Amino acid sequence: NTVYLQMNSLKPEDTAVYSCATRQIRTQ
């Protein structure tokens, strides 16, 4: 039940609060 975000070659402009989000979609 986990999603990941692998971030490489990070830059100063990547500085932020990172949030995950979801919606349920059974048929697609």
PDB file of all heavy atoms in Angstrom:
ATOM      1  N   ASN A   1       0.828  -1.219   0.000  1.00  0.00           N
ATOM      2  CA  ASN A   1       0.000   0.000   0.000  1.00  0.00           C
ATOM      3  C   ASN A   1       0.857   1.263   0.000  1.00  0.00           C
ATOM      4  O   ASN A   1       0.548   2.244   0.701  1.00  0.00           O
ATOM      5  CB  ASN A   1      -0.942   0.023   1.219  1.00  0.00           C
ATOM      6  CG  ASN A   1      -2.149  -0.858   1.017  1.00  0.00           C
ATOM      7  OD1 ASN A   1      -2.147  -1.748   0.180  1.00  0.00           O
ATOM      8  ND2 ASN A   1      -3.184  -0.637   1.822  1.00  0.00           N
ATOM      9  N   THR A   2       1.912   1.248  -0.786  1.00  0.00           N
ATOM     10  CA  THR A   2       2.863   2.360  -0.749  1.00  0.00           C
ATOM     11  C   THR A   2       3.248   2.795  -2.160  1.00  0.00           C
ATOM     12  O   THR A   2       3.454   1.951  -3.042  1.00  0.00           O
ATOM     13  CB  THR A   2       4.120   1.967   0.035  1.00  0.00           C
ATOM     14  OG1 THR A   2       3.747   1.592   1.371  1.00  0.00           O
ATOM     15  CG2 THR A   2       5.106   3.122   0.113  1.00  0.00           C
ATOM     16  N   VAL A   3       3.350   4.105  -2.320  1.00  0.00           N
ATOM     17  CA  VAL A   3       3.878   4.671  -3.552  1.00  0.00           C
ATOM     18  C   VAL A   3       5.157   5.434  -3.204  1.00  0.00           C
ATOM     19  O   VAL A   3       5.280   5.986  -2.102  1.00  0.00           O
ATOM     20  CB  VAL A   3       2.851   5.601  -4.236  1.00  0.00           C
ATOM     21  CG1 VAL A   3       2.525   6.803  -3.369  1.00  0.00           C
ATOM     22  CG2 VAL A   3       3.341   6.027  -5.607  1.00  0.00           C
ATOM     23  N   TYR A   4       6.101   5.429  -4.115  1.00  0.00           N
ATOM     24  CA  TYR A   4       7.405   6.023  -3.880  1.00  0.00           C
ATOM     25  C   TYR A   4       7.710   7.085  -4.940  1.00  0.00           C
ATOM     26  O   TYR A   4       7.189   7.046  -6.049  1.00  0.00           O
ATOM     27  CB  TYR A   4       8.491   4.950  -3.932  1.00  0.00           C
ATOM     28  CG  TYR A   4       8.279   3.808  -2.988  1.00  0.00           C
ATOM     29  CD1 TYR A   4       7.589   2.667  -3.387  1.00  0.00           C
ATOM     30  CD2 TYR A   4       8.776   3.845  -1.690  1.00  0.00           C
ATOM     31  CE1 TYR A   4       7.378   1.607  -2.527  1.00  0.00           C
ATOM     32  CE2 TYR A   4       8.583   2.786  -0.818  1.00  0.00           C
ATOM     33  CZ  TYR A   4       7.880   1.680  -1.240  1.00  0.00           C
ATOM     34  OH  TYR A   4       7.687   0.631  -0.371  1.00  0.00           O
ATOM     35  N   LEU A   5       8.596   7.999  -4.558  1.00  0.00           N
ATOM     36  CA  LEU A   5       9.137   8.947  -5.518  1.00  0.00           C
ATOM     37  C   LEU A   5      10.641   8.975  -5.313  1.00  0.00           C
ATOM     38  O   LEU A   5      11.129   9.508  -4.315  1.00  0.00           O
ATOM     39  CB  LEU A   5       8.538  10.345  -5.323  1.00  0.00           C
ATOM     40  CG  LEU A   5       8.963  11.372  -6.378  1.00  0.00           C
ATOM     41  CD1 LEU A   5       8.356  11.009  -7.741  1.00  0.00           C
ATOM     42  CD2 LEU A   5       8.547  12.784  -5.973  1.00  0.00           C
ATOM     43  N   GLN A   6      11.342   8.373  -6.247  1.00  0.00           N
ATOM     44  CA  GLN A   6      12.805   8.395  -6.229  1.00  0.00           C
ATOM     45  C   GLN A   6      13.262   9.656  -6.933  1.00  0.00           C
ATOM     46  O   GLN A   6      12.925   9.866  -8.111  1.00  0.00           O
ATOM     47  CB  GLN A   6      13.356   7.156  -6.930  1.00  0.00           C
ATOM     48  CG  GLN A   6      14.873   7.123  -7.022  1.00  0.00           C
ATOM     49  CD  GLN A   6      15.535   6.975  -5.676  1.00  0.00           C
ATOM     50  OE1 GLN A   6      15.083   6.198  -4.835  1.00  0.00           O
ATOM     51  NE2 GLN A   6      16.608   7.733  -5.447  1.00  0.00           N
ATOM     52  N   MET A   7      14.010  10.478  -6.220  1.00  0.00           N
ATOM     53  CA  MET A   7      14.455  11.753  -6.769  1.00  0.00           C
ATOM     54  C   MET A   7      15.974  11.766  -6.840  1.00  0.00           C
ATOM     55  O   MET A   7      16.643  11.656  -5.811  1.00  0.00           O
ATOM     56  CB  MET A   7      13.953  12.903  -5.903  1.00  0.00           C
ATOM     57  CG  MET A   7      12.441  12.900  -5.707  1.00  0.00           C
ATOM     58  SD  MET A   7      11.832  14.371  -4.863  1.00  0.00           S
ATOM     59  CE  MET A   7      12.588  14.152  -3.258  1.00  0.00           C
ATOM     60  N   ASN A   8      16.500  11.881  -8.033  1.00  0.00           N
ATOM     61  CA  ASN A   8      17.936  11.930  -8.270  1.00  0.00           C
ATOM     62  C   ASN A   8      18.336  13.276  -8.849  1.00  0.00           C
ATOM     63  O   ASN A   8      17.483  14.030  -9.339  1.00  0.00           O
ATOM     64  CB  ASN A   8      18.351  10.811  -9.226  1.00  0.00           C
ATOM     65  CG  ASN A   8      18.037   9.433  -8.685  1.00  0.00           C
ATOM     66  OD1 ASN A   8      18.059   9.191  -7.487  1.00  0.00           O
ATOM     67  ND2 ASN A   8      17.738   8.497  -9.583  1.00  0.00           N
ATOM     68  N   SER A   9      19.623  13.561  -8.797  1.00  0.00           N
ATOM     69  CA  SER A   9      20.152  14.814  -9.362  1.00  0.00           C
ATOM     70  C   SER A   9      19.343  16.012  -8.877  1.00  0.00           C
ATOM     71  O   SER A   9      18.940  16.882  -9.666  1.00  0.00           O
ATOM     72  CB  SER A   9      20.119  14.748 -10.893  1.00  0.00           C
ATOM     73  OG  SER A   9      20.865  13.652 -11.370  1.00  0.00           O
ATOM     74  N   LEU A  10      19.132  16.069  -7.589  1.00  0.00           N
ATOM     75  CA  LEU A  10      18.292  17.130  -7.022  1.00  0.00           C
ATOM     76  C   LEU A  10      18.937  18.497  -7.189  1.00  0.00           C
ATOM     77  O   LEU A  10      20.172  18.645  -7.152  1.00  0.00           O
ATOM     78  CB  LEU A  10      18.018  16.842  -5.552  1.00  0.00           C
ATOM     79  CG  LEU A  10      16.958  15.756  -5.322  1.00  0.00           C
ATOM     80  CD1 LEU A  10      17.028  15.208  -3.906  1.00  0.00           C
ATOM     81  CD2 LEU A  10      15.573  16.306  -5.613  1.00  0.00           C
ATOM     82  N   LYS A  11      18.073  19.481  -7.357  1.00  0.00           N
ATOM     83  CA  LYS A  11      18.498  20.862  -7.557  1.00  0.00           C
ATOM     84  C   LYS A  11      17.880  21.732  -6.463  1.00  0.00           C
ATOM     85  O   LYS A  11      16.828  21.382  -5.906  1.00  0.00           O
ATOM     86  CB  LYS A  11      18.010  21.360  -8.917  1.00  0.00           C
ATOM     87  CG  LYS A  11      18.414  20.506 -10.095  1.00  0.00           C
ATOM     88  CD  LYS A  11      17.765  21.012 -11.374  1.00  0.00           C
ATOM     89  CE  LYS A  11      18.111  20.136 -12.554  1.00  0.00           C
ATOM     90  NZ  LYS A  11      17.460  20.611 -13.816  1.00  0.00           N
ATOM     91  N   PRO A  12      18.481  22.865  -6.164  1.00  0.00           N
ATOM     92  CA  PRO A  12      17.894  23.766  -5.165  1.00  0.00           C
ATOM     93  C   PRO A  12      16.442  24.129  -5.483  1.00  0.00           C
ATOM     94  O   PRO A  12      15.627  24.294  -4.563  1.00  0.00           O
ATOM     95  CB  PRO A  12      18.812  24.986  -5.216  1.00  0.00           C
ATOM     96  CG  PRO A  12      20.137  24.424  -5.605  1.00  0.00           C
ATOM     97  CD  PRO A  12      19.810  23.338  -6.598  1.00  0.00           C
ATOM     98  N   GLU A  13      16.101  24.218  -6.737  1.00  0.00           N
ATOM     99  CA  GLU A  13      14.727  24.564  -7.107  1.00  0.00           C
ATOM    100  C   GLU A  13      13.737  23.426  -6.859  1.00  0.00           C
ATOM    101  O   GLU A  13      12.522  23.622  -7.026  1.00  0.00           O
ATOM    102  CB  GLU A  13      14.649  25.019  -8.573  1.00  0.00           C
ATOM    103  CG  GLU A  13      15.291  24.070  -9.559  1.00  0.00           C
ATOM    104  CD  GLU A  13      16.710  24.496  -9.924  1.00  0.00           C
ATOM    105  OE1 GLU A  13      17.486  24.871  -9.007  1.00  0.00           O
ATOM    106  OE2 GLU A  13      17.037  24.428 -11.140  1.00  0.00           O
ATOM    107  N   ASP A  14      14.227  22.263  -6.458  1.00  0.00           N
ATOM    108  CA  ASP A  14      13.330  21.171  -6.065  1.00  0.00           C
ATOM    109  C   ASP A  14      12.878  21.318  -4.613  1.00  0.00           C
ATOM    110  O   ASP A  14      12.034  20.537  -4.146  1.00  0.00           O
ATOM    111  CB  ASP A  14      14.020  19.819  -6.235  1.00  0.00           C
ATOM    112  CG  ASP A  14      14.312  19.485  -7.685  1.00  0.00           C
ATOM    113  OD1 ASP A  14      13.444  19.744  -8.541  1.00  0.00           O
ATOM    114  OD2 ASP A  14      15.408  18.961  -7.955  1.00  0.00           O
ATOM    115  N   THR A  15      13.436  22.284  -3.906  1.00  0.00           N
ATOM    116  CA  THR A  15      13.058  22.503  -2.517  1.00  0.00           C
ATOM    117  C   THR A  15      11.571  22.835  -2.420  1.00  0.00           C
ATOM    118  O   THR A  15      11.082  23.763  -3.071  1.00  0.00           O
ATOM    119  CB  THR A  15      13.885  23.646  -1.908  1.00  0.00           C
ATOM    120  OG1 THR A  15      15.248  23.253  -1.860  1.00  0.00           O
ATOM    121  CG2 THR A  15      13.395  23.979  -0.507  1.00  0.00           C
ATOM    122  N   ALA A  16      10.853  22.045  -1.611  1.00  0.00           N
ATOM    123  CA  ALA A  16       9.400  22.213  -1.494  1.00  0.00           C
ATOM    124  C   ALA A  16       8.874  21.214  -0.471  1.00  0.00           C
ATOM    125  O   ALA A  16       9.594  20.309  -0.038  1.00  0.00           O
ATOM    126  CB  ALA A  16       8.721  21.970  -2.839  1.00  0.00           C
ATOM    127  N   VAL A  17       7.612  21.384  -0.134  1.00  0.00           N
ATOM    128  CA  VAL A  17       6.889  20.351   0.602  1.00  0.00           C
ATOM    129  C   VAL A  17       6.254  19.433  -0.431  1.00  0.00           C
ATOM    130  O   VAL A  17       5.502  19.889  -1.298  1.00  0.00           O
ATOM    131  CB  VAL A  17       5.807  20.963   1.512  1.00  0.00           C
ATOM    132  CG1 VAL A  17       4.981  19.852   2.157  1.00  0.00           C
ATOM    133  CG2 VAL A  17       6.441  21.843   2.578  1.00  0.00           C
ATOM    134  N   TYR A  18       6.567  18.158  -0.320  1.00  0.00           N
ATOM    135  CA  TYR A  18       6.065  17.163  -1.274  1.00  0.00           C
ATOM    136  C   TYR A  18       4.902  16.401  -0.629  1.00  0.00           C
ATOM    137  O   TYR A  18       5.031  15.883   0.483  1.00  0.00           O
ATOM    138  CB  TYR A  18       7.170  16.197  -1.665  1.00  0.00           C
ATOM    139  CG  TYR A  18       8.156  16.799  -2.626  1.00  0.00           C
ATOM    140  CD1 TYR A  18       9.058  17.775  -2.203  1.00  0.00           C
ATOM    141  CD2 TYR A  18       8.183  16.421  -3.968  1.00  0.00           C
ATOM    142  CE1 TYR A  18       9.950  18.357  -3.091  1.00  0.00           C
ATOM    143  CE2 TYR A  18       9.081  16.981  -4.859  1.00  0.00           C
ATOM    144  CZ  TYR A  18       9.957  17.959  -4.411  1.00  0.00           C
ATOM    145  OH  TYR A  18      10.849  18.527  -5.297  1.00  0.00           O
ATOM    146  N   SER A  19       3.809  16.327  -1.373  1.00  0.00           N
ATOM    147  CA  SER A  19       2.611  15.652  -0.870  1.00  0.00           C
ATOM    148  C   SER A  19       2.150  14.592  -1.861  1.00  0.00           C
ATOM    149  O   SER A  19       2.236  14.796  -3.079  1.00  0.00           O
ATOM    150  CB  SER A  19       1.473  16.647  -0.662  1.00  0.00           C
ATOM    151  OG  SER A  19       1.814  17.663   0.247  1.00  0.00           O
ATOM    152  N   CYS A  20       1.649  13.508  -1.327  1.00  0.00           N
ATOM    153  CA  CYS A  20       1.037  12.526  -2.203  1.00  0.00           C
ATOM    154  C   CYS A  20      -0.477  12.682  -2.154  1.00  0.00           C
ATOM    155  O   CYS A  20      -1.026  13.244  -1.194  1.00  0.00           O
ATOM    156  CB  CYS A  20       1.434  11.098  -1.845  1.00  0.00           C
ATOM    157  SG  CYS A  20       0.899  10.542  -0.235  1.00  0.00           S
ATOM    158  N   ALA A  21      -1.121  12.213  -3.195  1.00  0.00           N
ATOM    159  CA  ALA A  21      -2.572  12.348  -3.306  1.00  0.00           C
ATOM    160  C   ALA A  21      -3.123  11.126  -4.015  1.00  0.00           C
ATOM    161  O   ALA A  21      -2.401  10.436  -4.740  1.00  0.00           O
ATOM    162  CB  ALA A  21      -2.936  13.609  -4.064  1.00  0.00           C
ATOM    163  N   THR A  22      -4.424  10.883  -3.822  1.00  0.00           N
ATOM    164  CA  THR A  22      -5.023   9.720  -4.437  1.00  0.00           C
ATOM    165  C   THR A  22      -6.486   9.924  -4.761  1.00  0.00           C
ATOM    166  O   THR A  22      -7.158  10.780  -4.192  1.00  0.00           O
ATOM    167  CB  THR A  22      -4.882   8.496  -3.506  1.00  0.00           C
ATOM    168  OG1 THR A  22      -5.342   7.325  -4.203  1.00  0.00           O
ATOM    169  CG2 THR A  22      -5.712   8.669  -2.241  1.00  0.00           C
ATOM    170  N   ARG A  23      -6.941   9.143  -5.714  1.00  0.00           N
ATOM    171  CA  ARG A  23      -8.367   9.013  -5.953  1.00  0.00           C
ATOM    172  C   ARG A  23      -8.604   7.574  -6.395  1.00  0.00           C
ATOM    173  O   ARG A  23      -7.743   6.952  -7.022  1.00  0.00           O
ATOM    174  CB  ARG A  23      -8.885   9.981  -7.002  1.00  0.00           C
ATOM    175  CG  ARG A  23      -8.386   9.739  -8.402  1.00  0.00           C
ATOM    176  CD  ARG A  23      -9.121  10.596  -9.390  1.00  0.00           C
ATOM    177  NE  ARG A  23     -10.467  10.095  -9.681  1.00  0.00           N
ATOM    178  CZ  ARG A  23     -11.369  10.788 -10.357  1.00  0.00           C
ATOM    179  NH1 ARG A  23     -11.110  12.016 -10.779  1.00  0.00           N
ATOM    180  NH2 ARG A  23     -12.548  10.278 -10.610  1.00  0.00           N
ATOM    181  N   GLN A  24      -9.739   7.072  -6.044  1.00  0.00           N
ATOM    182  CA  GLN A  24     -10.059   5.697  -6.380  1.00  0.00           C
ATOM    183  C   GLN A  24     -10.675   5.646  -7.772  1.00  0.00           C
ATOM    184  O   GLN A  24     -11.534   6.463  -8.115  1.00  0.00           O
ATOM    185  CB  GLN A  24     -11.030   5.109  -5.358  1.00  0.00           C
ATOM    186  CG  GLN A  24     -11.167   3.600  -5.458  1.00  0.00           C
ATOM    187  CD  GLN A  24     -11.920   3.032  -4.268  1.00  0.00           C
ATOM    188  OE1 GLN A  24     -12.812   3.671  -3.722  1.00  0.00           O
ATOM    189  NE2 GLN A  24     -11.534   1.837  -3.855  1.00  0.00           N
ATOM    190  N   ILE A  25     -10.219   4.665  -8.568  1.00  0.00           N
ATOM    191  CA  ILE A  25     -10.721   4.549  -9.933  1.00  0.00           C
ATOM    192  C   ILE A  25     -10.749   3.070 -10.284  1.00  0.00           C
ATOM    193  O   ILE A  25      -9.777   2.503 -10.780  1.00  0.00           O
ATOM    194  CB  ILE A  25      -9.850   5.378 -10.912  1.00  0.00           C
ATOM    195  CG1 ILE A  25     -10.402   5.328 -12.316  1.00  0.00           C
ATOM    196  CG2 ILE A  25      -8.399   4.963 -10.854  1.00  0.00           C
ATOM    197  CD1 ILE A  25     -11.627   6.206 -12.500  1.00  0.00           C
ATOM    198  N   ARG A  26     -11.896   2.428 -10.044  1.00  0.00           N
ATOM    199  CA  ARG A  26     -11.975   0.973 -10.151  1.00  0.00           C
ATOM    200  C   ARG A  26     -11.972   0.460 -11.577  1.00  0.00           C
ATOM    201  O   ARG A  26     -11.491  -0.627 -11.864  1.00  0.00           O
ATOM    202  CB  ARG A  26     -13.233   0.484  -9.445  1.00  0.00           C
ATOM    203  CG  ARG A  26     -13.211   0.624  -7.931  1.00  0.00           C
ATOM    204  CD  ARG A  26     -14.378  -0.092  -7.296  1.00  0.00           C
ATOM    205  NE  ARG A  26     -14.328  -0.062  -5.842  1.00  0.00           N
ATOM    206  CZ  ARG A  26     -14.892   0.877  -5.117  1.00  0.00           C
ATOM    207  NH1 ARG A  26     -15.554   1.857  -5.693  1.00  0.00           N
ATOM    208  NH2 ARG A  26     -14.814   0.836  -3.811  1.00  0.00           N
ATOM    209  N   THR A  27     -12.524   1.253 -12.501  1.00  0.00           N
ATOM    210  CA  THR A  27     -12.774   0.717 -13.834  1.00  0.00           C
ATOM    211  C   THR A  27     -11.755   1.136 -14.879  1.00  0.00           C
ATOM    212  O   THR A  27     -11.868   0.745 -16.034  1.00  0.00           O
ATOM    213  CB  THR A  27     -14.169   1.170 -14.309  1.00  0.00           C
ATOM    214  OG1 THR A  27     -14.204   2.597 -14.334  1.00  0.00           O
ATOM    215  CG2 THR A  27     -15.245   0.640 -13.375  1.00  0.00           C
ATOM    216  N   GLN A  28     -10.771   1.952 -14.501  1.00  0.00           N
ATOM    217  CA  GLN A  28      -9.783   2.424 -15.473  1.00  0.00           C
ATOM    218  C   GLN A  28      -8.384   2.215 -14.912  1.00  0.00           C
ATOM    219  O   GLN A  28      -7.776   3.156 -14.410  1.00  0.00           O
ATOM    220  CB  GLN A  28     -10.022   3.898 -15.790  1.00  0.00           C
ATOM    221  CG  GLN A  28     -11.388   4.192 -16.386  1.00  0.00           C
ATOM    222  CD  GLN A  28     -11.573   5.679 -16.603  1.00  0.00           C
ATOM    223  OE1 GLN A  28     -10.699   6.358 -17.136  1.00  0.00           O
ATOM    224  NE2 GLN A  28     -12.726   6.201 -16.204  1.00  0.00           N
TER     225      GLN A  28
END
